[in-house]
Amino acid sequence: LVPAVHRAIDTVGWGSGASPLICGHGAIHAELERQLALFEGTDAALLFSSGFAANLGSITALVGRGDAIYSDAKNHASIIDGCRLSGATTFVFPHRDVTSLQGLLEDSSAFRRRLIVTDSLFSMDGNLAPLDKLAELAEQFQAILMVDEAHATGLYGKDGRGVAQHLGAEDGIHLRIGTFSKALGSIGGFVASSQCVVDWLVNRARSYVFSTALPEAAAAAGLESLRLVREEPHRRTRLLERSAHVRSQLRQQNWDLGSASSQIVPLYVGTPQAAVELSTKLRQEGFLLPAIRPPSVPAGESLLRISLTYGHTTDSVDALVSALESHRPRP
């Protein structure tokens, strides 16, 4: 990505100078939005300054007082904040519990507009949302379905579009949120949806209207990221294979990984103290496994978060597994 950014800076400089609707939206931004729509298979796409801004702006533009939101209990803070700021009545359903969600939808039919919102790959638990079942519920109850693919874009699905493609649920999802700050290695967020929804967000999403636009050089990095996703699928294939191997090895060591099934591998250790102590020991041995504690996770669910990437070699991953063997929990 670095050469692509250098070339763009030489041509257009760095700062964008203003919000997109003033004079901050340039030709490279426009091309990235066009390529995002092609990549996602949607009518249109819209760039935001971050994934947080994309979630916040989309939720508050779509629903308000008199509307209802149905939010997974483990959703990202940006979704939670969007729900709070929207003014809509928010129902939080247990993590990935489709039956509970259906009951909430059946008991709350009087709202003007209803929005189901979920992460596709949960950032701490490393598991996947049942998007195929959520899409069926959205259709049955005439609800909008919004999915945040932040941790899955570039990794899942035949073309790397995310969990929605992986589970064959894309047609039932009305808005897909993504970010360039994870697998795509840059910065910025985006929404992929119909032209009608994107036009609405351009006029109603305050985090878009009133935020300074991304530098065009950052958009150039995004274009290069999409090229790599399209042309080098072996990156995601190898990472997911390596992740499955690591999960298998750690479960044999008696680590509690919950229902993790992705490149995000949580080691549940219970208390904040235990998480910090183990993280510190591993750091001294040369491994970075951050300790995740409340309020990022619920009380009693403190964990160490392993974030695997294509850049981690077989030797480095095997060394981590060996290091964790000496700290393994005893039955």
Protein backbone atom coordinates (compact mmCIF):
# COMPACT_ATOMS: atom_id res chain seq x y z
CA LEU A 1 0.00 0.00 0.00
CA VAL A 2 2.89 2.38 0.70
CA PRO A 3 3.88 2.97 -2.96
CA ALA A 4 0.21 3.61 -3.85
CA VAL A 5 -0.01 6.24 -1.11
CA HIS A 6 3.26 7.87 -2.22
CA ARG A 7 2.02 8.15 -5.80
CA ALA A 8 -1.24 9.74 -4.67
CA ILE A 9 0.48 12.23 -2.36
CA ASP A 10 2.75 13.30 -5.21
CA THR A 11 -0.35 14.00 -7.30
CA VAL A 12 -3.02 15.34 -4.91
CA GLY A 13 -1.18 16.07 -1.66
CA TRP A 14 -2.39 14.92 1.74
CA GLY A 15 -5.23 16.81 3.44
CA SER A 16 -8.68 16.70 1.87
CA GLY A 17 -9.47 20.19 3.13
CA ALA A 18 -13.18 19.91 3.89
CA SER A 19 -16.18 17.65 4.34
CA PRO A 20 -17.27 15.60 1.30
CA LEU A 21 -20.22 17.86 0.50
CA ILE A 22 -18.11 21.05 0.48
CA CYS A 23 -14.98 20.26 -1.53
CA GLY A 24 -13.44 17.23 0.18
CA HIS A 25 -14.65 14.60 -2.30
CA GLY A 26 -12.17 14.06 -5.13
CA ALA A 27 -11.73 11.81 -8.13
CA ILE A 28 -9.93 9.08 -6.16
CA HIS A 29 -12.72 9.01 -3.57
CA ALA A 30 -15.26 8.64 -6.36
CA GLU A 31 -13.30 5.81 -7.98
CA LEU A 32 -12.97 3.99 -4.66
CA GLU A 33 -16.73 4.22 -4.09
CA ARG A 34 -17.32 2.87 -7.59
CA GLN A 35 -14.91 -0.02 -7.01
CA LEU A 36 -16.43 -0.76 -3.60
CA ALA A 37 -19.88 -1.07 -5.15
CA LEU A 38 -18.48 -3.45 -7.78
CA PHE A 39 -16.63 -5.45 -5.12
CA GLU A 40 -19.68 -5.68 -2.85
CA GLY A 41 -22.12 -6.32 -5.70
CA THR A 42 -24.35 -3.38 -4.72
CA ASP A 43 -25.76 -0.38 -6.54
CA ALA A 44 -23.61 2.11 -4.65
CA ALA A 45 -21.15 2.67 -1.81
CA LEU A 46 -20.31 5.62 0.42
CA LEU A 47 -17.02 6.42 2.16
CA PHE A 48 -16.84 7.54 5.80
CA SER A 49 -13.90 8.75 7.86
CA SER A 50 -13.99 5.54 9.92
CA GLY A 51 -16.00 2.38 10.48
CA PHE A 52 -17.25 3.91 13.73
CA ALA A 53 -18.56 6.92 11.80
CA ALA A 54 -20.21 4.64 9.23
CA ASN A 55 -22.15 2.72 11.90
CA LEU A 56 -23.05 5.81 13.90
CA GLY A 57 -24.15 7.81 10.87
CA SER A 58 -26.13 5.00 9.25
CA ILE A 59 -28.13 4.01 12.32
CA THR A 60 -29.05 7.56 13.30
CA ALA A 61 -30.04 8.36 9.69
CA LEU A 62 -32.25 5.28 9.30
CA VAL A 63 -34.25 5.24 12.53
CA GLY A 64 -35.44 7.62 15.24
CA ARG A 65 -38.26 8.13 17.70
CA GLY A 66 -41.18 5.83 16.92
CA ASP A 67 -38.85 3.19 15.45
CA ALA A 68 -37.27 0.05 16.93
CA ILE A 69 -33.77 -1.41 16.81
CA TYR A 70 -32.89 -5.05 17.55
CA SER A 71 -29.21 -5.28 18.46
CA ASP A 72 -27.05 -8.32 19.28
CA ALA A 73 -25.72 -8.18 22.86
CA LYS A 74 -22.11 -8.49 21.65
CA ASN A 75 -22.26 -5.76 18.99
CA HIS A 76 -19.42 -3.26 18.66
CA ALA A 77 -19.48 -0.01 20.65
CA SER A 78 -20.08 2.00 17.47
CA ILE A 79 -23.35 0.15 16.94
CA ILE A 80 -24.32 0.57 20.58
CA ASP A 81 -23.64 4.30 20.45
CA GLY A 82 -25.61 4.63 17.21
CA CYS A 83 -28.58 2.92 18.85
CA ARG A 84 -28.40 5.24 21.85
CA LEU A 85 -28.12 8.41 19.79
CA SER A 86 -30.88 7.49 17.34
CA GLY A 87 -33.70 7.95 19.84
CA ALA A 88 -35.28 4.69 18.68
CA THR A 89 -36.46 2.06 21.15
CA THR A 90 -33.66 -0.50 21.38
CA PHE A 91 -34.15 -4.18 22.13
CA VAL A 92 -30.95 -6.10 22.90
CA PHE A 93 -31.24 -9.81 22.11
CA PRO A 94 -28.89 -12.47 23.56
CA HIS A 95 -25.79 -13.12 21.51
CA ARG A 96 -26.65 -14.91 18.23
CA ASP A 97 -30.00 -16.02 19.69
CA VAL A 98 -32.36 -16.13 16.71
CA THR A 99 -35.26 -17.52 18.73
CA SER A 100 -35.13 -14.61 21.18
CA LEU A 101 -34.94 -12.14 18.32
CA GLN A 102 -37.99 -13.68 16.68
CA GLY A 103 -39.91 -13.34 19.94
CA LEU A 104 -38.97 -9.66 20.21
CA LEU A 105 -40.08 -9.03 16.63
CA GLU A 106 -43.40 -10.78 17.23
CA ASP A 107 -44.07 -8.73 20.37
CA SER A 108 -43.19 -5.31 18.91
CA SER A 109 -45.14 -4.89 15.70
CA ALA A 110 -46.45 -1.37 16.36
CA PHE A 111 -43.28 0.54 15.45
CA ARG A 112 -43.06 2.61 12.28
CA ARG A 113 -39.73 1.19 11.14
CA ARG A 114 -37.68 -1.72 12.49
CA LEU A 115 -33.93 -2.26 12.16
CA ILE A 116 -32.00 -5.44 12.96
CA VAL A 117 -28.29 -4.72 13.37
CA THR A 118 -25.39 -7.06 14.03
CA ASP A 119 -21.69 -7.61 13.59
CA SER A 120 -20.96 -10.43 11.16
CA LEU A 121 -17.75 -11.53 12.89
CA PHE A 122 -17.67 -10.52 16.54
CA SER A 123 -14.48 -8.71 17.43
CA MET A 124 -13.85 -10.29 20.84
CA ASP A 125 -15.53 -13.71 20.66
CA GLY A 126 -14.30 -14.51 17.15
CA ASN A 127 -17.57 -16.18 16.14
CA LEU A 128 -19.98 -15.57 13.27
CA ALA A 129 -23.51 -14.18 13.27
CA PRO A 130 -26.22 -16.45 11.78
CA LEU A 131 -26.82 -13.99 8.95
CA ASP A 132 -28.82 -16.43 6.84
CA LYS A 133 -31.36 -16.84 9.65
CA LEU A 134 -31.38 -13.11 10.41
CA ALA A 135 -32.11 -12.39 6.75
CA GLU A 136 -35.10 -14.74 6.90
CA LEU A 137 -36.44 -12.94 9.97
CA ALA A 138 -35.92 -9.53 8.36
CA GLU A 139 -37.96 -10.60 5.36
CA GLN A 140 -40.67 -12.23 7.48
CA PHE A 141 -41.12 -9.16 9.70
CA GLN A 142 -40.40 -6.50 7.04
CA ALA A 143 -37.40 -5.19 8.95
CA ILE A 144 -34.23 -3.53 7.67
CA LEU A 145 -31.12 -5.70 8.17
CA MET A 146 -27.80 -3.92 8.66
CA VAL A 147 -24.58 -5.93 9.04
CA ASP A 148 -21.14 -4.73 10.09
CA GLU A 149 -18.54 -6.80 8.20
CA ALA A 150 -15.56 -4.94 9.72
CA HIS A 151 -13.61 -8.04 10.76
CA ALA A 152 -14.72 -10.22 7.84
CA THR A 153 -14.19 -8.00 4.78
CA GLY A 154 -11.33 -9.39 2.73
CA LEU A 155 -11.40 -12.75 4.49
CA TYR A 156 -14.69 -14.59 4.05
CA GLY A 157 -16.70 -15.58 1.01
CA LYS A 158 -15.68 -16.64 -2.48
CA ASP A 159 -14.65 -13.09 -3.38
CA GLY A 160 -13.66 -11.95 0.11
CA ARG A 161 -16.78 -9.84 0.64
CA GLY A 162 -17.44 -11.21 4.11
CA VAL A 163 -19.64 -13.52 6.14
CA ALA A 164 -22.78 -12.52 4.21
CA GLN A 165 -21.27 -13.97 1.04
CA HIS A 166 -19.85 -16.93 2.99
CA LEU A 167 -23.34 -17.85 4.25
CA GLY A 168 -25.19 -16.98 1.05
CA ALA A 169 -27.19 -14.24 2.78
CA GLU A 170 -26.28 -11.15 0.75
CA ASP A 171 -29.65 -10.73 -0.96
CA GLY A 172 -31.40 -10.41 2.40
CA ILE A 173 -29.12 -7.69 3.79
CA HIS A 174 -30.01 -4.06 3.12
CA LEU A 175 -26.82 -2.35 4.30
CA ARG A 176 -23.32 -3.77 4.64
CA ILE A 177 -20.83 -1.76 6.68
CA GLY A 178 -17.08 -2.21 6.26
CA THR A 179 -13.79 -0.69 7.25
CA PHE A 180 -10.38 -0.38 5.67
CA SER A 181 -8.66 -0.52 9.06
CA LYS A 182 -8.66 -4.33 9.50
CA ALA A 183 -7.71 -6.78 6.74
CA LEU A 184 -7.51 -3.98 4.15
CA GLY A 185 -4.67 -2.32 6.07
CA SER A 186 -5.61 1.35 5.79
CA ILE A 187 -8.17 3.70 7.34
CA GLY A 188 -11.77 4.70 6.71
CA GLY A 189 -15.19 3.08 6.66
CA PHE A 190 -17.88 2.51 4.06
CA VAL A 191 -21.49 1.55 3.49
CA ALA A 192 -22.54 -0.61 0.55
CA SER A 193 -26.23 -0.61 -0.29
CA SER A 194 -28.83 0.46 -2.84
CA GLN A 195 -28.51 3.84 -4.56
CA CYS A 196 -31.62 5.01 -2.69
CA VAL A 197 -30.11 4.24 0.73
CA VAL A 198 -26.76 5.80 -0.18
CA ASP A 199 -28.49 8.96 -1.40
CA TRP A 200 -30.39 9.11 1.90
CA LEU A 201 -27.16 8.75 3.91
CA VAL A 202 -25.44 11.49 1.90
CA ASN A 203 -28.14 13.87 3.07
CA ARG A 204 -28.92 12.51 6.55
CA ALA A 205 -25.83 10.84 8.07
CA ARG A 206 -24.34 13.57 10.24
CA SER A 207 -21.00 11.78 10.64
CA TYR A 208 -20.67 11.99 6.85
CA VAL A 209 -22.04 15.49 6.27
CA PHE A 210 -20.07 17.19 9.03
CA SER A 211 -16.76 15.25 9.07
CA THR A 212 -13.67 16.16 7.09
CA ALA A 213 -13.26 13.69 4.25
CA LEU A 214 -10.51 11.09 4.16
CA PRO A 215 -7.35 12.20 2.34
CA GLU A 216 -7.42 11.05 -1.27
CA ALA A 217 -4.14 9.24 -0.62
CA ALA A 218 -5.98 7.06 1.92
CA ALA A 219 -8.56 6.32 -0.77
CA ALA A 220 -5.70 5.32 -3.09
CA ALA A 221 -4.59 2.82 -0.44
CA GLY A 222 -8.15 1.49 -0.39
CA LEU A 223 -8.10 0.94 -4.14
CA GLU A 224 -4.85 -0.99 -3.86
CA SER A 225 -6.31 -3.07 -1.00
CA LEU A 226 -9.27 -4.10 -3.12
CA ARG A 227 -6.92 -5.09 -5.93
CA LEU A 228 -4.95 -7.33 -3.57
CA VAL A 229 -8.12 -8.97 -2.25
CA ARG A 230 -9.25 -9.73 -5.78
CA GLU A 231 -5.89 -10.88 -7.17
CA GLU A 232 -4.31 -12.66 -4.19
CA PRO A 233 -7.00 -14.88 -2.61
CA HIS A 234 -4.30 -17.19 -1.22
CA ARG A 235 -3.78 -14.65 1.56
CA ARG A 236 -7.21 -15.23 3.12
CA THR A 237 -7.19 -18.96 2.36
CA ARG A 238 -3.88 -19.49 4.13
CA LEU A 239 -4.87 -17.33 7.09
CA LEU A 240 -8.13 -19.19 7.70
CA GLU A 241 -6.35 -22.55 7.42
CA ARG A 242 -3.70 -21.42 9.90
CA SER A 243 -6.36 -20.06 12.25
CA ALA A 244 -8.20 -23.40 12.26
CA HIS A 245 -4.92 -25.15 13.11
CA VAL A 246 -4.24 -22.80 16.02
CA ARG A 247 -7.74 -23.20 17.44
CA SER A 248 -7.43 -26.98 17.27
CA GLN A 249 -4.07 -26.96 19.05
CA LEU A 250 -5.23 -24.62 21.81
CA ARG A 251 -8.43 -26.56 22.47
CA GLN A 252 -6.25 -29.66 22.94
CA GLN A 253 -4.38 -27.67 25.58
CA ASN A 254 -7.68 -27.10 27.47
CA TRP A 255 -7.96 -23.39 26.67
CA ASP A 256 -11.50 -22.03 26.68
CA LEU A 257 -12.03 -20.47 23.23
CA GLY A 258 -15.81 -20.29 23.47
CA SER A 259 -17.40 -20.70 20.04
CA ALA A 260 -14.56 -18.97 18.17
CA SER A 261 -14.32 -20.01 14.52
CA SER A 262 -12.21 -17.29 12.90
CA GLN A 263 -8.82 -15.58 12.83
CA ILE A 264 -9.79 -13.87 16.11
CA VAL A 265 -9.03 -16.39 18.86
CA PRO A 266 -10.03 -15.49 22.44
CA LEU A 267 -8.46 -17.17 25.46
CA TYR A 268 -11.04 -16.80 28.23
CA VAL A 269 -9.35 -16.57 31.62
CA GLY A 270 -12.14 -15.05 33.73
CA THR A 271 -10.81 -12.17 35.79
CA PRO A 272 -9.05 -8.96 34.74
CA GLN A 273 -6.16 -9.82 37.04
CA ALA A 274 -5.61 -13.21 35.41
CA ALA A 275 -5.77 -11.65 31.94
CA VAL A 276 -3.22 -8.93 32.76
CA GLU A 277 -0.85 -11.35 34.47
CA LEU A 278 -0.86 -13.83 31.59
CA SER A 279 -0.56 -11.09 28.98
CA THR A 280 2.45 -9.66 30.82
CA LYS A 281 4.17 -13.05 31.01
CA LEU A 282 3.65 -13.69 27.31
CA ARG A 283 4.88 -10.21 26.43
CA GLN A 284 8.10 -10.97 28.29
CA GLU A 285 8.40 -14.11 26.14
CA GLY A 286 7.96 -12.06 22.95
CA PHE A 287 4.22 -12.48 22.22
CA LEU A 288 1.64 -9.69 22.02
CA LEU A 289 -1.71 -10.96 23.31
CA PRO A 290 -3.58 -7.95 24.71
CA ALA A 291 -5.61 -8.40 27.88
CA ILE A 292 -9.25 -7.52 27.17
CA ARG A 293 -11.23 -6.54 30.27
CA PRO A 294 -14.50 -4.83 31.19
CA PRO A 295 -16.00 -2.62 29.82
CA SER A 296 -14.80 -4.05 26.50
CA VAL A 297 -16.20 -7.44 27.58
CA PRO A 298 -18.76 -8.38 30.26
CA ALA A 299 -17.64 -9.06 33.83
CA GLY A 300 -16.30 -12.57 34.19
CA GLU A 301 -15.30 -12.81 30.51
CA SER A 302 -11.84 -11.22 30.56
CA LEU A 303 -9.67 -12.73 27.87
CA LEU A 304 -6.47 -12.61 25.87
CA ARG A 305 -7.11 -11.83 22.23
CA ILE A 306 -5.06 -13.57 19.56
CA SER A 307 -5.36 -11.71 16.25
CA LEU A 308 -3.86 -13.82 13.48
CA THR A 309 -2.83 -12.36 10.12
CA TYR A 310 -1.42 -13.63 6.86
CA GLY A 311 1.90 -12.11 7.95
CA HIS A 312 2.27 -14.56 10.84
CA THR A 313 4.51 -17.39 9.68
CA THR A 314 4.10 -21.05 10.55
CA ASP A 315 7.14 -20.81 12.81
CA SER A 316 5.77 -17.82 14.73
CA VAL A 317 2.37 -19.45 15.21
CA ASP A 318 3.93 -22.73 16.36
CA ALA A 319 6.10 -20.78 18.81
CA LEU A 320 3.00 -19.16 20.27
CA VAL A 321 1.26 -22.51 20.69
CA SER A 322 4.37 -23.89 22.43
CA ALA A 323 4.54 -20.87 24.74
CA LEU A 324 0.89 -21.24 25.70
CA GLU A 325 1.45 -24.92 26.47
CA SER A 326 3.51 -23.92 29.53
CA HIS A 327 0.67 -21.73 30.78
CA ARG A 328 -2.18 -24.08 29.93
CA PRO A 329 -5.12 -24.30 32.33
CA ARG A 330 -5.28 -27.50 34.32
CA PRO A 331 -8.46 -29.60 34.33
